Amino acid sequence: MSRHMIKRTTVRLPAELLKKAQRKAAAEGRTLTGLMEEGLRYVVSDKPAEKAVRPPIPVSKEGGGEILSFKELQELEDRDYIERMNRGFK
């Protein structure tokens, strides 16, 4: 922590956020001020944020099957529901 030109300030935080920060600082054996300073330095740094690399989404190469409209899908669901009602939802 930089010791020159230290300023005091008041920060308003949600109670739960403050409690979590206090617990984290205590668990790491440091002060809440040190934890907040590190967080602020990280947020205001000029380093570009590392982007998470997303794995590619697998897409099936298989063909087949007809594509139903929303109305057709709804009718299938309705028929299935009626059949289950007739069987007593078994």
Protein backbone atom coordinates (compact mmCIF):
# COMPACT_ATOMS: atom_id res chain seq x y z
CA MET A 1 0.00 0.00 0.00
CA SER A 2 1.31 3.42 -0.95
CA ARG A 3 2.09 5.46 2.18
CA HIS A 4 2.33 8.87 0.53
CA MET A 5 -0.69 11.09 0.05
CA ILE A 6 -3.14 8.75 1.82
CA LYS A 7 -6.65 10.19 1.95
CA ARG A 8 -9.60 9.15 4.08
CA THR A 9 -13.02 8.76 2.56
CA THR A 10 -16.45 7.35 3.34
CA VAL A 11 -17.91 4.62 1.18
CA ARG A 12 -21.51 3.49 1.27
CA LEU A 13 -21.89 -0.24 0.62
CA PRO A 14 -24.73 -2.72 0.88
CA ALA A 15 -24.51 -4.42 4.30
CA GLU A 16 -24.09 -7.93 2.84
CA LEU A 17 -21.27 -6.81 0.53
CA LEU A 18 -19.46 -5.19 3.46
CA LYS A 19 -19.84 -8.34 5.57
CA LYS A 20 -18.46 -10.51 2.76
CA ALA A 21 -15.51 -8.16 2.27
CA GLN A 22 -14.76 -8.11 6.00
CA ARG A 23 -14.86 -11.92 6.17
CA LYS A 24 -12.58 -12.23 3.12
CA ALA A 25 -10.09 -9.72 4.52
CA ALA A 26 -10.04 -11.52 7.88
CA ALA A 27 -9.64 -14.92 6.23
CA GLU A 28 -6.65 -13.60 4.27
CA GLY A 29 -5.13 -11.90 7.32
CA ARG A 30 -5.36 -8.41 5.88
CA THR A 31 -7.24 -5.21 6.48
CA LEU A 32 -10.47 -4.20 4.81
CA THR A 33 -8.64 -1.11 3.54
CA GLY A 34 -5.99 -3.27 1.87
CA LEU A 35 -8.64 -5.45 0.24
CA MET A 36 -10.52 -2.42 -1.07
CA GLU A 37 -7.33 -0.78 -2.32
CA GLU A 38 -6.39 -3.92 -4.25
CA GLY A 39 -9.87 -4.11 -5.76
CA LEU A 40 -9.83 -0.47 -6.82
CA ARG A 41 -6.35 -0.79 -8.32
CA TYR A 42 -7.55 -3.80 -10.33
CA VAL A 43 -10.64 -1.97 -11.62
CA VAL A 44 -8.81 1.22 -12.63
CA SER A 45 -5.75 -0.49 -14.12
CA ASP A 46 -5.00 0.06 -17.79
CA LYS A 47 -4.50 -3.65 -18.44
CA PRO A 48 -7.12 -5.07 -20.76
CA ALA A 49 -9.40 -7.54 -19.03
CA GLU A 50 -8.79 -11.16 -19.91
CA LYS A 51 -11.69 -12.57 -21.85
CA ALA A 52 -12.86 -16.04 -21.01
CA VAL A 53 -12.40 -18.40 -23.90
CA ARG A 54 -15.64 -20.15 -24.70
CA PRO A 55 -15.45 -23.65 -26.08
CA PRO A 56 -17.18 -24.13 -29.43
CA ILE A 57 -20.76 -25.32 -29.28
CA PRO A 58 -21.07 -28.80 -30.76
CA VAL A 59 -23.38 -28.93 -33.76
CA SER A 60 -24.72 -32.16 -35.15
CA LYS A 61 -23.96 -32.90 -38.77
CA GLU A 62 -26.83 -35.38 -38.93
CA GLY A 63 -29.78 -34.55 -41.10
CA GLY A 64 -33.31 -35.78 -40.87
CA GLY A 65 -36.40 -35.04 -38.94
CA GLU A 66 -38.92 -32.54 -40.03
CA ILE A 67 -38.98 -29.06 -38.59
CA LEU A 68 -42.31 -28.29 -36.96
CA SER A 69 -43.85 -24.88 -36.56
CA PHE A 70 -44.68 -23.50 -33.14
CA LYS A 71 -48.37 -24.20 -33.72
CA GLU A 72 -47.64 -27.82 -34.69
CA LEU A 73 -45.50 -28.30 -31.58
CA GLN A 74 -48.25 -26.84 -29.44
CA GLU A 75 -50.80 -29.22 -30.97
CA LEU A 76 -48.52 -32.20 -30.25
CA GLU A 77 -48.15 -31.10 -26.63
CA ASP A 78 -51.91 -30.66 -26.33
CA ARG A 79 -52.54 -34.16 -27.73
CA ASP A 80 -49.95 -35.62 -25.37
CA TYR A 81 -51.55 -33.84 -22.42
CA ILE A 82 -55.01 -35.14 -23.35
CA GLU A 83 -53.67 -38.69 -23.67
CA ARG A 84 -52.02 -38.47 -20.24
CA MET A 85 -55.24 -37.14 -18.72
CA ASN A 86 -57.17 -40.06 -20.20
CA ARG A 87 -54.65 -42.49 -18.67
CA GLY A 88 -54.70 -40.68 -15.32
CA PHE A 89 -51.23 -39.09 -15.77
CA LYS A 90 -49.54 -42.50 -15.61
